[in-house]
Amino acid sequence: EGEALLLRLDLAGIAGSSGSACTSGSLDPSHVLLAIGL
């Protein structure tokens, strides 16, 4: 799960994201990734 990965990276001192920061509170998968067929 992307959220678990981000938390572990954060503990390691690495800041990343799973998509748009504007929708970071949503549990739905990225509309962009769904649109490219994933």
Full PDB file with SEQRES, HELIX, SHEET, SSBOND, CRYST1, ORIGX, SCALE, CONECT and MASTER records, all heavy atoms in Angstrom:
SEQRES   1 A   38  GLU GLY GLU ALA LEU LEU LEU ARG LEU ASP LEU ALA GLY          
SEQRES   2 A   38  ILE ALA GLY SER SER GLY SER ALA CYS THR SER GLY SER          
SEQRES   3 A   38  LEU ASP PRO SER HIS VAL LEU LEU ALA ILE GLY LEU              
HELIX    1 AA1 GLY A    2  LEU A   11  1                                  10    
HELIX    2 AA2 ALA A   21  THR A   23  5                                   3    
HELIX    3 AA3 HIS A   31  ALA A   35  1                                   5    
CRYST1    1.000    1.000    1.000  90.00  90.00  90.00 P 1           1          
ORIGX1      1.000000  0.000000  0.000000        0.00000                         
ORIGX2      0.000000  1.000000  0.000000        0.00000                         
ORIGX3      0.000000  0.000000  1.000000        0.00000                         
SCALE1      1.000000  0.000000  0.000000        0.00000                         
SCALE2      0.000000  1.000000  0.000000        0.00000                         
SCALE3      0.000000  0.000000  1.000000        0.00000                         
ATOM      1  N   GLU A   1       0.845  -1.182   0.000  1.00  0.00           N  
ATOM      2  CA  GLU A   1       0.000   0.000   0.000  1.00  0.00           C  
ATOM      3  C   GLU A   1       0.887   1.241   0.000  1.00  0.00           C  
ATOM      4  O   GLU A   1       1.850   1.327   0.765  1.00  0.00           O  
ATOM      5  CB  GLU A   1      -0.905   0.012   1.238  1.00  0.00           C  
ATOM      6  CG  GLU A   1      -2.079  -0.943   1.162  1.00  0.00           C  
ATOM      7  CD  GLU A   1      -3.163  -0.461   0.212  1.00  0.00           C  
ATOM      8  OE1 GLU A   1      -3.215   0.756  -0.052  1.00  0.00           O  
ATOM      9  OE2 GLU A   1      -3.952  -1.300  -0.262  1.00  0.00           O  
ATOM     10  N   GLY A   2       0.547   2.200  -0.844  1.00  0.00           N  
ATOM     11  CA  GLY A   2       1.347   3.411  -0.958  1.00  0.00           C  
ATOM     12  C   GLY A   2       1.490   4.164   0.349  1.00  0.00           C  
ATOM     13  O   GLY A   2       2.561   4.695   0.674  1.00  0.00           O  
ATOM     14  N   GLU A   3       0.416   4.206   1.150  1.00  0.00           N  
ATOM     15  CA  GLU A   3       0.460   4.949   2.412  1.00  0.00           C  
ATOM     16  C   GLU A   3       1.475   4.343   3.374  1.00  0.00           C  
ATOM     17  O   GLU A   3       2.240   5.059   4.037  1.00  0.00           O  
ATOM     18  CB  GLU A   3      -0.921   4.980   3.057  1.00  0.00           C  
ATOM     19  CG  GLU A   3      -0.988   5.860   4.291  1.00  0.00           C  
ATOM     20  CD  GLU A   3      -2.396   6.010   4.845  1.00  0.00           C  
ATOM     21  OE1 GLU A   3      -3.336   5.463   4.239  1.00  0.00           O  
ATOM     22  OE2 GLU A   3      -2.549   6.684   5.876  1.00  0.00           O  
ATOM     23  N   ALA A   4       1.511   3.007   3.457  1.00  0.00           N  
ATOM     24  CA  ALA A   4       2.480   2.345   4.328  1.00  0.00           C  
ATOM     25  C   ALA A   4       3.901   2.631   3.863  1.00  0.00           C  
ATOM     26  O   ALA A   4       4.815   2.845   4.683  1.00  0.00           O  
ATOM     27  CB  ALA A   4       2.218   0.840   4.346  1.00  0.00           C  
ATOM     28  N   LEU A   5       4.096   2.643   2.562  1.00  0.00           N  
ATOM     29  CA  LEU A   5       5.418   2.933   2.006  1.00  0.00           C  
ATOM     30  C   LEU A   5       5.857   4.358   2.363  1.00  0.00           C  
ATOM     31  O   LEU A   5       7.007   4.590   2.751  1.00  0.00           O  
ATOM     32  CB  LEU A   5       5.391   2.744   0.493  1.00  0.00           C  
ATOM     33  CG  LEU A   5       6.674   3.072  -0.270  1.00  0.00           C  
ATOM     34  CD1 LEU A   5       7.832   2.217   0.224  1.00  0.00           C  
ATOM     35  CD2 LEU A   5       6.465   2.872  -1.772  1.00  0.00           C  
ATOM     36  N   LEU A   6       4.941   5.316   2.242  1.00  0.00           N  
ATOM     37  CA  LEU A   6       5.276   6.707   2.557  1.00  0.00           C  
ATOM     38  C   LEU A   6       5.651   6.880   4.022  1.00  0.00           C  
ATOM     39  O   LEU A   6       6.573   7.626   4.356  1.00  0.00           O  
ATOM     40  CB  LEU A   6       4.099   7.623   2.208  1.00  0.00           C  
ATOM     41  CG  LEU A   6       3.750   7.760   0.727  1.00  0.00           C  
ATOM     42  CD1 LEU A   6       2.555   8.685   0.567  1.00  0.00           C  
ATOM     43  CD2 LEU A   6       4.933   8.285  -0.059  1.00  0.00           C  
ATOM     44  N   LEU A   7       4.941   6.182   4.913  1.00  0.00           N  
ATOM     45  CA  LEU A   7       5.238   6.280   6.339  1.00  0.00           C  
ATOM     46  C   LEU A   7       6.620   5.711   6.655  1.00  0.00           C  
ATOM     47  O   LEU A   7       7.375   6.281   7.449  1.00  0.00           O  
ATOM     48  CB  LEU A   7       4.155   5.556   7.147  1.00  0.00           C  
ATOM     49  CG  LEU A   7       2.775   6.223   7.143  1.00  0.00           C  
ATOM     50  CD1 LEU A   7       1.742   5.332   7.820  1.00  0.00           C  
ATOM     51  CD2 LEU A   7       2.822   7.587   7.819  1.00  0.00           C  
ATOM     52  N   ARG A   8       6.960   4.596   6.031  1.00  0.00           N  
ATOM     53  CA  ARG A   8       8.278   4.003   6.260  1.00  0.00           C  
ATOM     54  C   ARG A   8       9.387   4.890   5.686  1.00  0.00           C  
ATOM     55  O   ARG A   8      10.455   5.047   6.285  1.00  0.00           O  
ATOM     56  CB  ARG A   8       8.332   2.604   5.636  1.00  0.00           C  
ATOM     57  CG  ARG A   8       7.600   1.534   6.437  1.00  0.00           C  
ATOM     58  CD  ARG A   8       8.310   1.237   7.750  1.00  0.00           C  
ATOM     59  NE  ARG A   8       9.681   0.781   7.523  1.00  0.00           N  
ATOM     60  CZ  ARG A   8      10.026  -0.493   7.304  1.00  0.00           C  
ATOM     61  NH1 ARG A   8       9.093  -1.450   7.292  1.00  0.00           N  
ATOM     62  NH2 ARG A   8      11.295  -0.815   7.115  1.00  0.00           N  
ATOM     63  N   LEU A   9       9.143   5.472   4.526  1.00  0.00           N  
ATOM     64  CA  LEU A   9      10.120   6.390   3.953  1.00  0.00           C  
ATOM     65  C   LEU A   9      10.297   7.614   4.845  1.00  0.00           C  
ATOM     66  O   LEU A   9      11.417   8.096   5.048  1.00  0.00           O  
ATOM     67  CB  LEU A   9       9.683   6.821   2.549  1.00  0.00           C  
ATOM     68  CG  LEU A   9       9.859   5.795   1.435  1.00  0.00           C  
ATOM     69  CD1 LEU A   9       9.179   6.286   0.160  1.00  0.00           C  
ATOM     70  CD2 LEU A   9      11.338   5.520   1.153  1.00  0.00           C  
ATOM     71  N   ASP A  10       9.192   8.091   5.397  1.00  0.00           N  
ATOM     72  CA  ASP A  10       9.260   9.254   6.277  1.00  0.00           C  
ATOM     73  C   ASP A  10      10.122   8.952   7.506  1.00  0.00           C  
ATOM     74  O   ASP A  10      10.933   9.783   7.938  1.00  0.00           O  
ATOM     75  CB  ASP A  10       7.843   9.654   6.694  1.00  0.00           C  
ATOM     76  CG  ASP A  10       7.804  10.986   7.429  1.00  0.00           C  
ATOM     77  OD1 ASP A  10       8.586  11.891   7.065  1.00  0.00           O  
ATOM     78  OD2 ASP A  10       7.007  11.119   8.368  1.00  0.00           O  
ATOM     79  N   LEU A  11       9.967   7.763   8.068  1.00  0.00           N  
ATOM     80  CA  LEU A  11      10.777   7.365   9.212  1.00  0.00           C  
ATOM     81  C   LEU A  11      12.254   7.286   8.849  1.00  0.00           C  
ATOM     82  O   LEU A  11      13.127   7.487   9.701  1.00  0.00           O  
ATOM     83  CB  LEU A  11      10.298   6.012   9.753  1.00  0.00           C  
ATOM     84  CG  LEU A  11       8.939   6.020  10.464  1.00  0.00           C  
ATOM     85  CD1 LEU A  11       8.504   4.605  10.798  1.00  0.00           C  
ATOM     86  CD2 LEU A  11       9.006   6.863  11.742  1.00  0.00           C  
ATOM     87  N   ALA A  12      12.517   7.002   7.569  1.00  0.00           N  
ATOM     88  CA  ALA A  12      13.902   6.939   7.095  1.00  0.00           C  
ATOM     89  C   ALA A  12      14.417   8.304   6.651  1.00  0.00           C  
ATOM     90  O   ALA A  12      15.543   8.414   6.164  1.00  0.00           O  
ATOM     91  CB  ALA A  12      14.005   5.946   5.942  1.00  0.00           C  
ATOM     92  N   GLY A  13      13.597   9.352   6.816  1.00  0.00           N  
ATOM     93  CA  GLY A  13      14.025  10.699   6.472  1.00  0.00           C  
ATOM     94  C   GLY A  13      13.853  11.058   5.018  1.00  0.00           C  
ATOM     95  O   GLY A  13      14.535  11.954   4.514  1.00  0.00           O  
ATOM     96  N   ILE A  14      12.932  10.375   4.334  1.00  0.00           N  
ATOM     97  CA  ILE A  14      12.690  10.630   2.913  1.00  0.00           C  
ATOM     98  C   ILE A  14      11.238  11.052   2.726  1.00  0.00           C  
ATOM     99  O   ILE A  14      10.315  10.339   3.120  1.00  0.00           O  
ATOM    100  CB  ILE A  14      12.985   9.375   2.056  1.00  0.00           C  
ATOM    101  CG1 ILE A  14      14.452   8.968   2.223  1.00  0.00           C  
ATOM    102  CG2 ILE A  14      12.647   9.629   0.587  1.00  0.00           C  
ATOM    103  CD1 ILE A  14      14.771   7.592   1.663  1.00  0.00           C  
ATOM    104  N   ALA A  15      11.028  12.225   2.146  1.00  0.00           N  
ATOM    105  CA  ALA A  15       9.683  12.748   1.923  1.00  0.00           C  
ATOM    106  C   ALA A  15       9.285  12.546   0.473  1.00  0.00           C  
ATOM    107  O   ALA A  15       9.909  13.086  -0.436  1.00  0.00           O  
ATOM    108  CB  ALA A  15       9.626  14.235   2.280  1.00  0.00           C  
ATOM    109  N   GLY A  16       8.248  11.744   0.261  1.00  0.00           N  
ATOM    110  CA  GLY A  16       7.696  11.522  -1.073  1.00  0.00           C  
ATOM    111  C   GLY A  16       6.192  11.619  -1.006  1.00  0.00           C  
ATOM    112  O   GLY A  16       5.622  12.129  -0.027  1.00  0.00           O  
ATOM    113  N   SER A  17       5.505  11.140  -2.027  1.00  0.00           N  
ATOM    114  CA  SER A  17       4.044  11.160  -2.020  1.00  0.00           C  
ATOM    115  C   SER A  17       3.533  10.000  -2.857  1.00  0.00           C  
ATOM    116  O   SER A  17       4.292   9.323  -3.549  1.00  0.00           O  
ATOM    117  CB  SER A  17       3.499  12.481  -2.567  1.00  0.00           C  
ATOM    118  OG  SER A  17       3.712  12.559  -3.966  1.00  0.00           O  
ATOM    119  N   SER A  18       2.233   9.795  -2.793  1.00  0.00           N  
ATOM    120  CA  SER A  18       1.616   8.747  -3.603  1.00  0.00           C  
ATOM    121  C   SER A  18       0.824   9.337  -4.760  1.00  0.00           C  
ATOM    122  O   SER A  18       0.185   8.614  -5.517  1.00  0.00           O  
ATOM    123  CB  SER A  18       0.695   7.866  -2.739  1.00  0.00           C  
ATOM    124  OG  SER A  18      -0.315   8.648  -2.142  1.00  0.00           O  
ATOM    125  N   GLY A  19       0.862  10.651  -4.896  1.00  0.00           N  
ATOM    126  CA  GLY A  19       0.118  11.317  -5.969  1.00  0.00           C  
ATOM    127  C   GLY A  19      -0.035  12.779  -5.644  1.00  0.00           C  
ATOM    128  O   GLY A  19       0.834  13.378  -5.021  1.00  0.00           O  
ATOM    129  N   SER A  20      -1.150  13.361  -6.011  1.00  0.00           N  
ATOM    130  CA  SER A  20      -1.378  14.783  -5.780  1.00  0.00           C  
ATOM    131  C   SER A  20      -1.547  15.076  -4.300  1.00  0.00           C  
ATOM    132  O   SER A  20      -2.314  14.410  -3.604  1.00  0.00           O  
ATOM    133  CB  SER A  20      -2.629  15.244  -6.534  1.00  0.00           C  
ATOM    134  OG  SER A  20      -2.969  16.561  -6.188  1.00  0.00           O  
ATOM    135  N   ALA A  21      -0.830  16.097  -3.812  1.00  0.00           N  
ATOM    136  CA  ALA A  21      -0.975  16.508  -2.410  1.00  0.00           C  
ATOM    137  C   ALA A  21      -2.376  17.050  -2.137  1.00  0.00           C  
ATOM    138  O   ALA A  21      -2.847  17.020  -0.998  1.00  0.00           O  
ATOM    139  CB  ALA A  21       0.069  17.561  -2.065  1.00  0.00           C  
ATOM    140  N   CYS A  22      -3.056  17.526  -3.169  1.00  0.00           N  
ATOM    141  CA  CYS A  22      -4.388  18.101  -2.999  1.00  0.00           C  
ATOM    142  C   CYS A  22      -5.441  17.045  -2.694  1.00  0.00           C  
ATOM    143  O   CYS A  22      -6.550  17.362  -2.284  1.00  0.00           O  
ATOM    144  CB  CYS A  22      -4.786  18.886  -4.247  1.00  0.00           C  
ATOM    145  SG  CYS A  22      -3.660  20.250  -4.622  1.00  0.00           S  
ATOM    146  N   THR A  23      -5.125  15.758  -2.917  1.00  0.00           N  
ATOM    147  CA  THR A  23      -6.075  14.682  -2.630  1.00  0.00           C  
ATOM    148  C   THR A  23      -5.470  13.670  -1.675  1.00  0.00           C  
ATOM    149  O   THR A  23      -5.883  12.516  -1.630  1.00  0.00           O  
ATOM    150  CB  THR A  23      -6.508  13.968  -3.931  1.00  0.00           C  
ATOM    151  OG1 THR A  23      -5.341  13.479  -4.614  1.00  0.00           O  
ATOM    152  CG2 THR A  23      -7.257  14.910  -4.845  1.00  0.00           C  
ATOM    153  N   SER A  24      -4.470  14.091  -0.892  1.00  0.00           N  
ATOM    154  CA  SER A  24      -3.744  13.153  -0.040  1.00  0.00           C  
ATOM    155  C   SER A  24      -4.615  12.555   1.055  1.00  0.00           C  
ATOM    156  O   SER A  24      -4.293  11.509   1.605  1.00  0.00           O  
ATOM    157  CB  SER A  24      -2.529  13.847   0.593  1.00  0.00           C  
ATOM    158  OG  SER A  24      -2.944  14.938   1.382  1.00  0.00           O  
ATOM    159  N   GLY A  25      -5.744  13.207   1.387  1.00  0.00           N  
ATOM    160  CA  GLY A  25      -6.621  12.672   2.415  1.00  0.00           C  
ATOM    161  C   GLY A  25      -7.583  11.615   1.907  1.00  0.00           C  
ATOM    162  O   GLY A  25      -8.296  10.983   2.680  1.00  0.00           O  
ATOM    163  N   SER A  26      -7.606  11.388   0.606  1.00  0.00           N  
ATOM    164  CA  SER A  26      -8.534  10.430   0.013  1.00  0.00           C  
ATOM    165  C   SER A  26      -7.961   9.024   0.035  1.00  0.00           C  
ATOM    166  O   SER A  26      -6.767   8.821  -0.169  1.00  0.00           O  
ATOM    167  CB  SER A  26      -8.842  10.839  -1.430  1.00  0.00           C  
ATOM    168  OG  SER A  26      -9.603   9.840  -2.082  1.00  0.00           O  
ATOM    169  N   LEU A  27      -8.822   8.043   0.273  1.00  0.00           N  
ATOM    170  CA  LEU A  27      -8.410   6.641   0.235  1.00  0.00           C  
ATOM    171  C   LEU A  27      -8.611   6.036  -1.148  1.00  0.00           C  
ATOM    172  O   LEU A  27      -8.223   4.888  -1.385  1.00  0.00           O  
ATOM    173  CB  LEU A  27      -9.204   5.835   1.279  1.00  0.00           C  
ATOM    174  CG  LEU A  27      -8.962   6.222   2.749  1.00  0.00           C  
ATOM    175  CD1 LEU A  27      -9.857   5.401   3.665  1.00  0.00           C  
ATOM    176  CD2 LEU A  27      -7.503   6.056   3.125  1.00  0.00           C  
ATOM    177  N   ASP A  28      -9.214   6.796  -2.046  1.00  0.00           N  
ATOM    178  CA  ASP A  28      -9.441   6.290  -3.398  1.00  0.00           C  
ATOM    179  C   ASP A  28      -8.129   6.288  -4.176  1.00  0.00           C  
ATOM    180  O   ASP A  28      -7.271   7.156  -3.978  1.00  0.00           O  
ATOM    181  CB  ASP A  28     -10.454   7.168  -4.134  1.00  0.00           C  
ATOM    182  CG  ASP A  28     -11.839   7.095  -3.507  1.00  0.00           C  
ATOM    183  OD1 ASP A  28     -12.168   6.036  -2.935  1.00  0.00           O  
ATOM    184  OD2 ASP A  28     -12.565   8.100  -3.576  1.00  0.00           O  
ATOM    185  N   PRO A  29      -7.954   5.317  -5.084  1.00  0.00           N  
ATOM    186  CA  PRO A  29      -6.745   5.324  -5.909  1.00  0.00           C  
ATOM    187  C   PRO A  29      -6.744   6.517  -6.856  1.00  0.00           C  
ATOM    188  O   PRO A  29      -7.798   7.105  -7.146  1.00  0.00           O  
ATOM    189  CB  PRO A  29      -6.836   4.003  -6.681  1.00  0.00           C  
ATOM    190  CG  PRO A  29      -8.295   3.661  -6.694  1.00  0.00           C  
ATOM    191  CD  PRO A  29      -8.833   4.192  -5.393  1.00  0.00           C  
ATOM    192  N   SER A  30      -5.587   6.880  -7.327  1.00  0.00           N  
ATOM    193  CA  SER A  30      -5.428   8.029  -8.205  1.00  0.00           C  
ATOM    194  C   SER A  30      -6.277   7.905  -9.465  1.00  0.00           C  
ATOM    195  O   SER A  30      -6.228   6.892 -10.158  1.00  0.00           O  
ATOM    196  CB  SER A  30      -3.954   8.158  -8.593  1.00  0.00           C  
ATOM    197  OG  SER A  30      -3.794   8.879  -9.781  1.00  0.00           O  
ATOM    198  N   HIS A  31      -7.026   8.967  -9.768  1.00  0.00           N  
ATOM    199  CA  HIS A  31      -7.815   8.966 -11.003  1.00  0.00           C  
ATOM    200  C   HIS A  31      -6.918   8.961 -12.231  1.00  0.00           C  
ATOM    201  O   HIS A  31      -7.304   8.471 -13.291  1.00  0.00           O  
ATOM    202  CB  HIS A  31      -8.755  10.178 -11.036  1.00  0.00           C  
ATOM    203  CG  HIS A  31      -8.070  11.489 -11.228  1.00  0.00           C  
ATOM    204  ND1 HIS A  31      -7.369  12.135 -10.228  1.00  0.00           N  
ATOM    205  CD2 HIS A  31      -7.957  12.309 -12.322  1.00  0.00           C  
ATOM    206  CE1 HIS A  31      -6.879  13.267 -10.677  1.00  0.00           C  
ATOM    207  NE2 HIS A  31      -7.210  13.405 -11.950  1.00  0.00           N  
ATOM    208  N   VAL A  32      -5.698   9.481 -12.077  1.00  0.00           N  
ATOM    209  CA  VAL A  32      -4.750   9.495 -13.185  1.00  0.00           C  
ATOM    210  C   VAL A  32      -4.285   8.076 -13.501  1.00  0.00           C  
ATOM    211  O   VAL A  32      -4.263   7.648 -14.666  1.00  0.00           O  
ATOM    212  CB  VAL A  32      -3.541  10.397 -12.868  1.00  0.00           C  
ATOM    213  CG1 VAL A  32      -2.494  10.314 -13.975  1.00  0.00           C  
ATOM    214  CG2 VAL A  32      -3.996  11.834 -12.660  1.00  0.00           C  
ATOM    215  N   LEU A  33      -3.925   7.319 -12.471  1.00  0.00           N  
ATOM    216  CA  LEU A  33      -3.458   5.953 -12.685  1.00  0.00           C  
ATOM    217  C   LEU A  33      -4.578   5.063 -13.215  1.00  0.00           C  
ATOM    218  O   LEU A  33      -4.336   4.171 -14.042  1.00  0.00           O  
ATOM    219  CB  LEU A  33      -2.884   5.382 -11.385  1.00  0.00           C  
ATOM    220  CG  LEU A  33      -1.650   6.116 -10.832  1.00  0.00           C  
ATOM    221  CD1 LEU A  33      -1.121   5.406  -9.590  1.00  0.00           C  
ATOM    222  CD2 LEU A  33      -0.555   6.232 -11.883  1.00  0.00           C  
ATOM    223  N   LEU A  34      -5.791   5.280 -12.751  1.00  0.00           N  
ATOM    224  CA  LEU A  34      -6.924   4.514 -13.295  1.00  0.00           C  
ATOM    225  C   LEU A  34      -7.147   4.877 -14.764  1.00  0.00           C  
ATOM    226  O   LEU A  34      -7.467   4.007 -15.585  1.00  0.00           O  
ATOM    227  CB  LEU A  34      -8.188   4.783 -12.484  1.00  0.00           C  
ATOM    228  CG  LEU A  34      -8.167   4.333 -11.013  1.00  0.00           C  
ATOM    229  CD1 LEU A  34      -9.508   4.655 -10.353  1.00  0.00           C  
ATOM    230  CD2 LEU A  34      -7.853   2.854 -10.890  1.00  0.00           C  
ATOM    231  N   ALA A  35      -6.947   6.143 -15.106  1.00  0.00           N  
ATOM    232  CA  ALA A  35      -7.168   6.589 -16.489  1.00  0.00           C  
ATOM    233  C   ALA A  35      -6.152   5.993 -17.457  1.00  0.00           C  
ATOM    234  O   ALA A  35      -6.457   5.815 -18.643  1.00  0.00           O  
ATOM    235  CB  ALA A  35      -7.123   8.113 -16.562  1.00  0.00           C  
ATOM    236  N   ILE A  36      -4.929   5.687 -16.982  1.00  0.00           N  
ATOM    237  CA  ILE A  36      -3.939   5.064 -17.875  1.00  0.00           C  
ATOM    238  C   ILE A  36      -4.081   3.547 -17.896  1.00  0.00           C  
ATOM    239  O   ILE A  36      -3.271   2.849 -18.513  1.00  0.00           O  
ATOM    240  CB  ILE A  36      -2.489   5.465 -17.521  1.00  0.00           C  
ATOM    241  CG1 ILE A  36      -2.085   4.965 -16.141  1.00  0.00           C  
ATOM    242  CG2 ILE A  36      -2.329   6.978 -17.633  1.00  0.00           C  
ATOM    243  CD1 ILE A  36      -0.612   5.219 -15.810  1.00  0.00           C  
ATOM    244  N   GLY A  37      -5.117   3.039 -17.204  1.00  0.00           N  
ATOM    245  CA  GLY A  37      -5.455   1.626 -17.321  1.00  0.00           C  
ATOM    246  C   GLY A  37      -5.011   0.728 -16.192  1.00  0.00           C  
ATOM    247  O   GLY A  37      -5.158  -0.497 -16.290  1.00  0.00           O  
ATOM    248  N   LEU A  38      -4.490   1.288 -15.094  1.00  0.00           N  
ATOM    249  CA  LEU A  38      -4.041   0.433 -13.998  1.00  0.00           C  
ATOM    250  C   LEU A  38      -5.223  -0.066 -13.170  1.00  0.00           C  
ATOM    251  O   LEU A  38      -6.148   0.692 -12.884  1.00  0.00           O  
ATOM    252  CB  LEU A  38      -3.076   1.191 -13.087  1.00  0.00           C  
ATOM    253  CG  LEU A  38      -1.724   1.600 -13.660  1.00  0.00           C  
ATOM    254  CD1 LEU A  38      -0.805   2.068 -12.541  1.00  0.00           C  
ATOM    255  CD2 LEU A  38      -1.080   0.472 -14.433  1.00  0.00           C  
TER     256      LEU A  38                                                      
MASTER        0    0    0    3    0    0    0    6  255    1    0    3          
END                                                                             
